[in-house]
Amino acid sequence: MPLPKRPLVLIPARLASTRLPDKPLADIHGTPMVLHVWRRALEADIGPVVVAAAEPEIAAVVEAAGGQAVLTRPDHPSGSDRIFEAVERLDPEGRVDAVVNVQCDVPTLDPAAIRAVVAPLAEPQVDIGTIAAEIHDPEERGDPNVVKAAVAFPGGARIARALYFSRAPVPWDQGDPQAPLYHHIGLYAFRRPALARFVALPPSPLERREKLEQLRAMEAGMRIDVARVDTSPLTVDTPADLERARAHLAS
């Protein structure tokens, strides 16, 4: 099955972050963080890129830089709900066949990772594509803030089916510290019908337990495949993360 022909890249962004207020507009070397992400999404060159903004301040920054933004309701419970509203407003005729959700807080994201997240959709049974990178830092193996994807890549394959996602170190390594664990990176490529189905589902038991939205899809029988990438981007959640992002991009 060919890849989606009309993908749309959406970057959900809102100012109401408790640990880092006004996060999308955080300055990184004279440029708001959301614009760093927007530019990397443009470099991926897989389709139009639009910022789904919760507030007019974000939309104004994007439009002043020459980008496209769509204003969405500020009270969405998740980025997935925000991008669904955005795609329905931007494309009521249904021409867009896949929606790529790129978080606004990954300013070091490699454009190749955005291209990789769409690759699993070449398999017709896949509803959602995502990406993961092998964990090399031993401290991250047990860190609950580093989400793990339980997935096998047989024979060096670059894409495989996700079996589970957890904050715990899964799968069990049987005492072998060299057994690979994979860091799940929260980018998603939804088929358009899969996104509509997903946002209509209620929060699921495992989702609530792990606080991982993707488990809602898996509990509903939706298939998620994972593309393996080489590196994980830095996610900016705190002022300390912001300083690390500034140092990384300065180099």
C-alpha atoms as a PDB file:
ATOM      1  CA  MET A   1       0.000   0.000   0.000  1.00  0.00           C
ATOM      2  CA  PRO A   2       1.482   3.389  -0.883  1.00  0.00           C
ATOM      3  CA  LEU A   3       2.169   5.957   1.782  1.00  0.00           C
ATOM      4  CA  PRO A   4      -0.499   8.616   2.394  1.00  0.00           C
ATOM      5  CA  LYS A   5      -0.663  11.016  -0.512  1.00  0.00           C
ATOM      6  CA  ARG A   6      -1.889  14.120   1.331  1.00  0.00           C
ATOM      7  CA  PRO A   7      -0.379  14.197   4.826  1.00  0.00           C
ATOM      8  CA  LEU A   8      -0.715  17.293   6.965  1.00  0.00           C
ATOM      9  CA  VAL A   9       1.780  18.139   9.719  1.00  0.00           C
ATOM     10  CA  LEU A  10       0.170  19.799  12.729  1.00  0.00           C
ATOM     11  CA  ILE A  11       1.990  21.274  15.723  1.00  0.00           C
ATOM     12  CA  PRO A  12      -0.363  21.658  18.713  1.00  0.00           C
ATOM     13  CA  ALA A  13       0.711  24.512  20.978  1.00  0.00           C
ATOM     14  CA  ARG A  14      -0.726  26.096  24.120  1.00  0.00           C
ATOM     15  CA  LEU A  15       0.586  28.561  26.681  1.00  0.00           C
ATOM     16  CA  ALA A  16      -0.864  26.867  29.779  1.00  0.00           C
ATOM     17  CA  SER A  17       2.108  24.774  30.916  1.00  0.00           C
ATOM     18  CA  THR A  18       2.496  24.456  34.683  1.00  0.00           C
ATOM     19  CA  ARG A  19       6.223  23.663  34.781  1.00  0.00           C
ATOM     20  CA  LEU A  20       7.239  26.153  32.080  1.00  0.00           C
ATOM     21  CA  PRO A  21       4.603  28.850  31.499  1.00  0.00           C
ATOM     22  CA  ASP A  22       4.281  30.189  27.938  1.00  0.00           C
ATOM     23  CA  LYS A  23       6.485  27.316  26.769  1.00  0.00           C
ATOM     24  CA  PRO A  24       5.888  27.637  22.988  1.00  0.00           C
ATOM     25  CA  LEU A  25       7.111  31.237  23.115  1.00  0.00           C
ATOM     26  CA  ALA A  26      10.226  30.470  25.191  1.00  0.00           C
ATOM     27  CA  ASP A  27      13.211  32.247  23.652  1.00  0.00           C
ATOM     28  CA  ILE A  28      15.974  30.103  22.163  1.00  0.00           C
ATOM     29  CA  HIS A  29      18.664  32.312  20.669  1.00  0.00           C
ATOM     30  CA  GLY A  30      16.205  35.009  19.682  1.00  0.00           C
ATOM     31  CA  THR A  31      13.567  32.677  18.252  1.00  0.00           C
ATOM     32  CA  PRO A  32      10.464  31.312  20.017  1.00  0.00           C
ATOM     33  CA  MET A  33      10.636  27.564  20.524  1.00  0.00           C
ATOM     34  CA  VAL A  34       7.545  26.879  18.436  1.00  0.00           C
ATOM     35  CA  LEU A  35       9.311  28.406  15.413  1.00  0.00           C
ATOM     36  CA  HIS A  36      12.313  26.123  15.862  1.00  0.00           C
ATOM     37  CA  VAL A  37       9.939  23.152  15.689  1.00  0.00           C
ATOM     38  CA  TRP A  38       7.974  24.643  12.793  1.00  0.00           C
ATOM     39  CA  ARG A  39      11.172  25.108  10.762  1.00  0.00           C
ATOM     40  CA  ARG A  40      12.271  21.533  11.373  1.00  0.00           C
ATOM     41  CA  ALA A  41       8.861  20.300  10.295  1.00  0.00           C
ATOM     42  CA  LEU A  42       9.200  22.313   7.086  1.00  0.00           C
ATOM     43  CA  GLU A  43      12.629  20.746   6.494  1.00  0.00           C
ATOM     44  CA  ALA A  44      11.052  17.285   6.714  1.00  0.00           C
ATOM     45  CA  ASP A  45       9.196  18.194   3.491  1.00  0.00           C
ATOM     46  CA  ILE A  46       6.373  15.676   3.781  1.00  0.00           C
ATOM     47  CA  GLY A  47       3.438  18.066   3.484  1.00  0.00           C
ATOM     48  CA  PRO A  48       1.997  21.388   4.649  1.00  0.00           C
ATOM     49  CA  VAL A  49       2.861  22.429   8.206  1.00  0.00           C
ATOM     50  CA  VAL A  50       0.334  24.279  10.382  1.00  0.00           C
ATOM     51  CA  VAL A  51       0.513  25.269  14.039  1.00  0.00           C
ATOM     52  CA  ALA A  52      -2.697  24.438  15.914  1.00  0.00           C
ATOM     53  CA  ALA A  53      -2.634  27.269  18.458  1.00  0.00           C
ATOM     54  CA  ALA A  54      -4.687  27.499  21.625  1.00  0.00           C
ATOM     55  CA  GLU A  55      -4.076  31.239  21.961  1.00  0.00           C
ATOM     56  CA  PRO A  56      -3.864  34.169  19.531  1.00  0.00           C
ATOM     57  CA  GLU A  57      -0.371  35.053  20.795  1.00  0.00           C
ATOM     58  CA  ILE A  58       1.039  31.811  19.381  1.00  0.00           C
ATOM     59  CA  ALA A  59      -0.754  32.217  16.069  1.00  0.00           C
ATOM     60  CA  ALA A  60       0.545  35.789  15.736  1.00  0.00           C
ATOM     61  CA  VAL A  61       4.166  34.684  16.228  1.00  0.00           C
ATOM     62  CA  VAL A  62       3.846  31.936  13.617  1.00  0.00           C
ATOM     63  CA  GLU A  63       2.120  34.161  11.061  1.00  0.00           C
ATOM     64  CA  ALA A  64       4.664  36.947  11.568  1.00  0.00           C
ATOM     65  CA  ALA A  65       7.367  34.433  10.587  1.00  0.00           C
ATOM     66  CA  GLY A  66       5.484  33.553   7.407  1.00  0.00           C
ATOM     67  CA  GLY A  67       3.892  30.369   8.704  1.00  0.00           C
ATOM     68  CA  GLN A  68       0.305  29.182   8.871  1.00  0.00           C
ATOM     69  CA  ALA A  69      -1.606  28.821  12.129  1.00  0.00           C
ATOM     70  CA  VAL A  70      -5.151  27.882  13.023  1.00  0.00           C
ATOM     71  CA  LEU A  71      -6.751  29.002  16.271  1.00  0.00           C
ATOM     72  CA  THR A  72      -8.336  26.170  18.262  1.00  0.00           C
ATOM     73  CA  ARG A  73     -10.279  25.911  21.507  1.00  0.00           C
ATOM     74  CA  PRO A  74      -8.044  26.524  24.530  1.00  0.00           C
ATOM     75  CA  ASP A  75      -9.674  23.814  26.674  1.00  0.00           C
ATOM     76  CA  HIS A  76      -8.704  20.655  24.761  1.00  0.00           C
ATOM     77  CA  PRO A  77      -7.534  17.884  27.120  1.00  0.00           C
ATOM     78  CA  SER A  78      -4.761  16.733  24.769  1.00  0.00           C
ATOM     79  CA  GLY A  79      -2.787  17.586  21.671  1.00  0.00           C
ATOM     80  CA  SER A  80      -4.621  14.854  19.784  1.00  0.00           C
ATOM     81  CA  ASP A  81      -7.943  16.575  20.403  1.00  0.00           C
ATOM     82  CA  ARG A  82      -6.423  19.880  19.312  1.00  0.00           C
ATOM     83  CA  ILE A  83      -5.089  18.530  16.015  1.00  0.00           C
ATOM     84  CA  PHE A  84      -8.405  16.845  15.286  1.00  0.00           C
ATOM     85  CA  GLU A  85     -10.218  20.165  15.606  1.00  0.00           C
ATOM     86  CA  ALA A  86      -7.534  21.774  13.446  1.00  0.00           C
ATOM     87  CA  VAL A  87      -7.704  19.264  10.596  1.00  0.00           C
ATOM     88  CA  GLU A  88     -11.496  19.342  10.586  1.00  0.00           C
ATOM     89  CA  ARG A  89     -11.437  23.130  10.288  1.00  0.00           C
ATOM     90  CA  LEU A  90      -8.654  23.224   7.702  1.00  0.00           C
ATOM     91  CA  ASP A  91      -9.935  20.357   5.570  1.00  0.00           C
ATOM     92  CA  PRO A  92     -13.676  19.809   5.980  1.00  0.00           C
ATOM     93  CA  GLU A  93     -13.771  18.096   2.568  1.00  0.00           C
ATOM     94  CA  GLY A  94     -11.588  15.229   3.878  1.00  0.00           C
ATOM     95  CA  ARG A  95      -8.773  15.461   1.332  1.00  0.00           C
ATOM     96  CA  VAL A  96      -6.048  15.074   3.972  1.00  0.00           C
ATOM     97  CA  ASP A  97      -5.487  11.324   4.452  1.00  0.00           C
ATOM     98  CA  ALA A  98      -2.945  11.384   7.308  1.00  0.00           C
ATOM     99  CA  VAL A  99      -2.171  13.766  10.155  1.00  0.00           C
ATOM    100  CA  VAL A 100       1.295  13.990  11.697  1.00  0.00           C
ATOM    101  CA  ASN A 101       1.332  15.282  15.270  1.00  0.00           C
ATOM    102  CA  VAL A 102       4.616  17.036  16.122  1.00  0.00           C
ATOM    103  CA  GLN A 103       4.917  18.360  19.671  1.00  0.00           C
ATOM    104  CA  CYS A 104       5.875  22.008  20.017  1.00  0.00           C
ATOM    105  CA  ASP A 105       8.467  21.333  22.737  1.00  0.00           C
ATOM    106  CA  VAL A 106      11.085  19.361  20.760  1.00  0.00           C
ATOM    107  CA  PRO A 107      13.302  22.109  19.271  1.00  0.00           C
ATOM    108  CA  THR A 108      16.200  19.696  18.635  1.00  0.00           C
ATOM    109  CA  LEU A 109      14.041  17.304  16.607  1.00  0.00           C
ATOM    110  CA  ASP A 110      15.717  15.839  13.524  1.00  0.00           C
ATOM    111  CA  PRO A 111      13.567  16.401  10.406  1.00  0.00           C
ATOM    112  CA  ALA A 112      14.378  12.807   9.429  1.00  0.00           C
ATOM    113  CA  ALA A 113      12.431  11.645  12.486  1.00  0.00           C
ATOM    114  CA  ILE A 114       9.324  13.382  11.162  1.00  0.00           C
ATOM    115  CA  ARG A 115       9.732  11.563   7.862  1.00  0.00           C
ATOM    116  CA  ALA A 116      10.261   8.276   9.717  1.00  0.00           C
ATOM    117  CA  VAL A 117       7.003   8.522  11.661  1.00  0.00           C
ATOM    118  CA  VAL A 118       4.977   8.278   8.446  1.00  0.00           C
ATOM    119  CA  ALA A 119       6.784   5.178   7.148  1.00  0.00           C
ATOM    120  CA  PRO A 120       4.744   2.622   9.151  1.00  0.00           C
ATOM    121  CA  LEU A 121       1.602   3.732   7.316  1.00  0.00           C
ATOM    122  CA  ALA A 122       2.871   1.937   4.205  1.00  0.00           C
ATOM    123  CA  GLU A 123       1.431  -1.190   5.873  1.00  0.00           C
ATOM    124  CA  PRO A 124      -2.351  -1.128   5.287  1.00  0.00           C
ATOM    125  CA  GLN A 125      -3.239  -2.612   8.689  1.00  0.00           C
ATOM    126  CA  VAL A 126      -1.450   0.118  10.645  1.00  0.00           C
ATOM    127  CA  ASP A 127      -3.641   2.817  12.171  1.00  0.00           C
ATOM    128  CA  ILE A 128      -0.937   4.925  13.822  1.00  0.00           C
ATOM    129  CA  GLY A 129       2.791   5.297  13.233  1.00  0.00           C
ATOM    130  CA  THR A 130       5.278   6.437  15.842  1.00  0.00           C
ATOM    131  CA  ILE A 131       9.040   6.315  16.497  1.00  0.00           C
ATOM    132  CA  ALA A 132      11.501   5.103  19.121  1.00  0.00           C
ATOM    133  CA  ALA A 133      15.256   5.126  19.690  1.00  0.00           C
ATOM    134  CA  GLU A 134      17.416   2.665  21.596  1.00  0.00           C
ATOM    135  CA  ILE A 135      18.252   3.767  25.141  1.00  0.00           C
ATOM    136  CA  HIS A 136      21.997   4.051  25.736  1.00  0.00           C
ATOM    137  CA  ASP A 137      22.056   5.892  29.067  1.00  0.00           C
ATOM    138  CA  PRO A 138      21.678   3.298  31.890  1.00  0.00           C
ATOM    139  CA  GLU A 139      19.872   5.837  34.081  1.00  0.00           C
ATOM    140  CA  GLU A 140      17.101   6.203  31.508  1.00  0.00           C
ATOM    141  CA  ARG A 141      16.229   2.509  31.646  1.00  0.00           C
ATOM    142  CA  GLY A 142      14.467   2.931  34.973  1.00  0.00           C
ATOM    143  CA  ASP A 143      13.420   6.560  34.610  1.00  0.00           C
ATOM    144  CA  PRO A 144       9.597   6.774  34.575  1.00  0.00           C
ATOM    145  CA  ASN A 145       9.808  10.012  32.599  1.00  0.00           C
ATOM    146  CA  VAL A 146      11.378   8.051  29.728  1.00  0.00           C
ATOM    147  CA  VAL A 147       8.529   6.087  28.153  1.00  0.00           C
ATOM    148  CA  LYS A 148       9.507   2.673  26.831  1.00  0.00           C
ATOM    149  CA  ALA A 149       8.107   0.956  23.754  1.00  0.00           C
ATOM    150  CA  ALA A 150       7.854  -2.819  24.026  1.00  0.00           C
ATOM    151  CA  VAL A 151       8.734  -3.682  20.452  1.00  0.00           C
ATOM    152  CA  ALA A 152      11.051  -6.134  18.690  1.00  0.00           C
ATOM    153  CA  PHE A 153      12.903  -5.321  15.474  1.00  0.00           C
ATOM    154  CA  PRO A 154      13.620  -8.792  14.083  1.00  0.00           C
ATOM    155  CA  GLY A 155      16.566  -9.202  11.774  1.00  0.00           C
ATOM    156  CA  GLY A 156      17.537  -5.559  11.989  1.00  0.00           C
ATOM    157  CA  ALA A 157      14.143  -4.344  10.758  1.00  0.00           C
ATOM    158  CA  ARG A 158      13.516  -0.616  11.083  1.00  0.00           C
ATOM    159  CA  ILE A 159       9.740  -0.927  11.603  1.00  0.00           C
ATOM    160  CA  ALA A 160       7.833  -3.313  13.857  1.00  0.00           C
ATOM    161  CA  ARG A 161       4.539  -3.586  15.698  1.00  0.00           C
ATOM    162  CA  ALA A 162       4.214  -2.058  19.171  1.00  0.00           C
ATOM    163  CA  LEU A 163       3.110  -4.533  21.823  1.00  0.00           C
ATOM    164  CA  TYR A 164       2.895  -2.116  24.747  1.00  0.00           C
ATOM    165  CA  PHE A 165       4.135   1.202  26.098  1.00  0.00           C
ATOM    166  CA  SER A 166       5.124   1.762  29.700  1.00  0.00           C
ATOM    167  CA  ARG A 167       6.985   4.000  32.101  1.00  0.00           C
ATOM    168  CA  ALA A 168       8.516   0.826  33.527  1.00  0.00           C
ATOM    169  CA  PRO A 169      11.550  -0.820  31.874  1.00  0.00           C
ATOM    170  CA  VAL A 170       9.799  -3.227  29.503  1.00  0.00           C
ATOM    171  CA  PRO A 171      10.390  -5.843  28.258  1.00  0.00           C
ATOM    172  CA  TRP A 172      12.108  -7.531  31.201  1.00  0.00           C
ATOM    173  CA  ASP A 173      15.789  -7.952  30.360  1.00  0.00           C
ATOM    174  CA  GLN A 174      16.316 -11.162  32.388  1.00  0.00           C
ATOM    175  CA  GLY A 175      19.268  -9.593  34.117  1.00  0.00           C
ATOM    176  CA  ASP A 176      21.025  -8.672  30.876  1.00  0.00           C
ATOM    177  CA  PRO A 177      21.882  -4.951  31.081  1.00  0.00           C
ATOM    178  CA  GLN A 178      22.802  -4.986  27.397  1.00  0.00           C
ATOM    179  CA  ALA A 179      19.371  -6.087  26.195  1.00  0.00           C
ATOM    180  CA  PRO A 180      17.944  -3.138  24.233  1.00  0.00           C
ATOM    181  CA  LEU A 181      15.165  -0.997  25.554  1.00  0.00           C
ATOM    182  CA  TYR A 182      13.547   1.600  23.314  1.00  0.00           C
ATOM    183  CA  HIS A 183      12.685   5.177  24.250  1.00  0.00           C
ATOM    184  CA  HIS A 184       9.324   6.068  22.772  1.00  0.00           C
ATOM    185  CA  ILE A 185       9.347   9.498  21.121  1.00  0.00           C
ATOM    186  CA  GLY A 186       5.919  11.116  21.180  1.00  0.00           C
ATOM    187  CA  LEU A 187       5.415  11.852  17.497  1.00  0.00           C
ATOM    188  CA  TYR A 188       2.457  10.216  15.780  1.00  0.00           C
ATOM    189  CA  ALA A 189       1.187   9.785  12.249  1.00  0.00           C
ATOM    190  CA  PHE A 190      -2.541   9.020  12.245  1.00  0.00           C
ATOM    191  CA  ARG A 191      -4.562   7.863   9.318  1.00  0.00           C
ATOM    192  CA  ARG A 192      -7.395  10.385   9.129  1.00  0.00           C
ATOM    193  CA  PRO A 193     -10.122   7.855  10.129  1.00  0.00           C
ATOM    194  CA  ALA A 194      -7.914   6.536  12.946  1.00  0.00           C
ATOM    195  CA  LEU A 195      -7.550  10.015  14.427  1.00  0.00           C
ATOM    196  CA  ALA A 196     -11.327  10.528  14.339  1.00  0.00           C
ATOM    197  CA  ARG A 197     -11.859   7.175  16.038  1.00  0.00           C
ATOM    198  CA  PHE A 198      -9.178   7.800  18.644  1.00  0.00           C
ATOM    199  CA  VAL A 199     -10.453  11.166  19.878  1.00  0.00           C
ATOM    200  CA  ALA A 200     -13.979   9.730  20.170  1.00  0.00           C
ATOM    201  CA  LEU A 201     -12.807   7.009  22.584  1.00  0.00           C
ATOM    202  CA  PRO A 202     -13.061   7.552  26.340  1.00  0.00           C
ATOM    203  CA  PRO A 203      -9.881   7.390  28.441  1.00  0.00           C
ATOM    204  CA  SER A 204      -9.019   3.742  29.054  1.00  0.00           C
ATOM    205  CA  PRO A 205      -7.939   1.906  32.225  1.00  0.00           C
ATOM    206  CA  LEU A 206      -4.325   1.359  31.165  1.00  0.00           C
ATOM    207  CA  GLU A 207      -4.095   4.900  29.841  1.00  0.00           C
ATOM    208  CA  ARG A 208      -5.150   6.232  33.228  1.00  0.00           C
ATOM    209  CA  ARG A 209      -2.808   3.878  35.064  1.00  0.00           C
ATOM    210  CA  GLU A 210       0.301   4.631  32.999  1.00  0.00           C
ATOM    211  CA  LYS A 211      -0.734   8.174  32.021  1.00  0.00           C
ATOM    212  CA  LEU A 212       0.034   7.318  28.410  1.00  0.00           C
ATOM    213  CA  GLU A 213      -2.549   8.344  25.827  1.00  0.00           C
ATOM    214  CA  GLN A 214      -1.444   5.816  23.191  1.00  0.00           C
ATOM    215  CA  LEU A 215      -2.628   2.924  25.359  1.00  0.00           C
ATOM    216  CA  ARG A 216      -6.204   4.088  24.739  1.00  0.00           C
ATOM    217  CA  ALA A 217      -5.736   3.226  21.080  1.00  0.00           C
ATOM    218  CA  MET A 218      -4.152  -0.146  21.821  1.00  0.00           C
ATOM    219  CA  GLU A 219      -6.890  -1.119  24.282  1.00  0.00           C
ATOM    220  CA  ALA A 220      -9.429  -0.349  21.557  1.00  0.00           C
ATOM    221  CA  GLY A 221      -7.643  -2.735  19.178  1.00  0.00           C
ATOM    222  CA  MET A 222      -5.950  -0.103  17.050  1.00  0.00           C
ATOM    223  CA  ARG A 223      -2.576  -1.055  15.617  1.00  0.00           C
ATOM    224  CA  ILE A 224       0.481   1.084  16.277  1.00  0.00           C
ATOM    225  CA  ASP A 225       3.750   0.381  14.466  1.00  0.00           C
ATOM    226  CA  VAL A 226       7.084   1.875  15.492  1.00  0.00           C
ATOM    227  CA  ALA A 227       9.892   3.093  13.246  1.00  0.00           C
ATOM    228  CA  ARG A 228      13.344   2.905  14.821  1.00  0.00           C
ATOM    229  CA  VAL A 229      15.403   6.097  14.675  1.00  0.00           C
ATOM    230  CA  ASP A 230      18.936   6.741  15.853  1.00  0.00           C
ATOM    231  CA  THR A 231      18.528   9.564  18.353  1.00  0.00           C
ATOM    232  CA  SER A 232      15.974  10.998  20.760  1.00  0.00           C
ATOM    233  CA  PRO A 233      15.269  14.745  20.717  1.00  0.00           C
ATOM    234  CA  LEU A 234      15.405  16.809  23.874  1.00  0.00           C
ATOM    235  CA  THR A 235      11.910  17.519  25.176  1.00  0.00           C
ATOM    236  CA  VAL A 236      11.559  20.871  26.955  1.00  0.00           C
ATOM    237  CA  ASP A 237       9.327  20.598  30.021  1.00  0.00           C
ATOM    238  CA  THR A 238      11.198  22.656  32.633  1.00  0.00           C
ATOM    239  CA  PRO A 239      13.480  25.712  32.824  1.00  0.00           C
ATOM    240  CA  ALA A 240      16.447  23.332  33.143  1.00  0.00           C
ATOM    241  CA  ASP A 241      15.398  21.559  29.919  1.00  0.00           C
ATOM    242  CA  LEU A 242      15.184  24.943  28.215  1.00  0.00           C
ATOM    243  CA  GLU A 243      18.769  25.745  29.191  1.00  0.00           C
ATOM    244  CA  ARG A 244      19.915  22.378  27.825  1.00  0.00           C
ATOM    245  CA  ALA A 245      18.102  23.056  24.550  1.00  0.00           C
ATOM    246  CA  ARG A 246      19.778  26.465  24.292  1.00  0.00           C
ATOM    247  CA  ALA A 247      23.187  24.899  24.881  1.00  0.00           C
ATOM    248  CA  HIS A 248      22.521  22.133  22.358  1.00  0.00           C
ATOM    249  CA  LEU A 249      21.373  24.492  19.632  1.00  0.00           C
ATOM    250  CA  ALA A 250      24.232  26.883  20.333  1.00  0.00           C
ATOM    251  CA  SER A 251      26.656  24.097  19.444  1.00  0.00           C
END
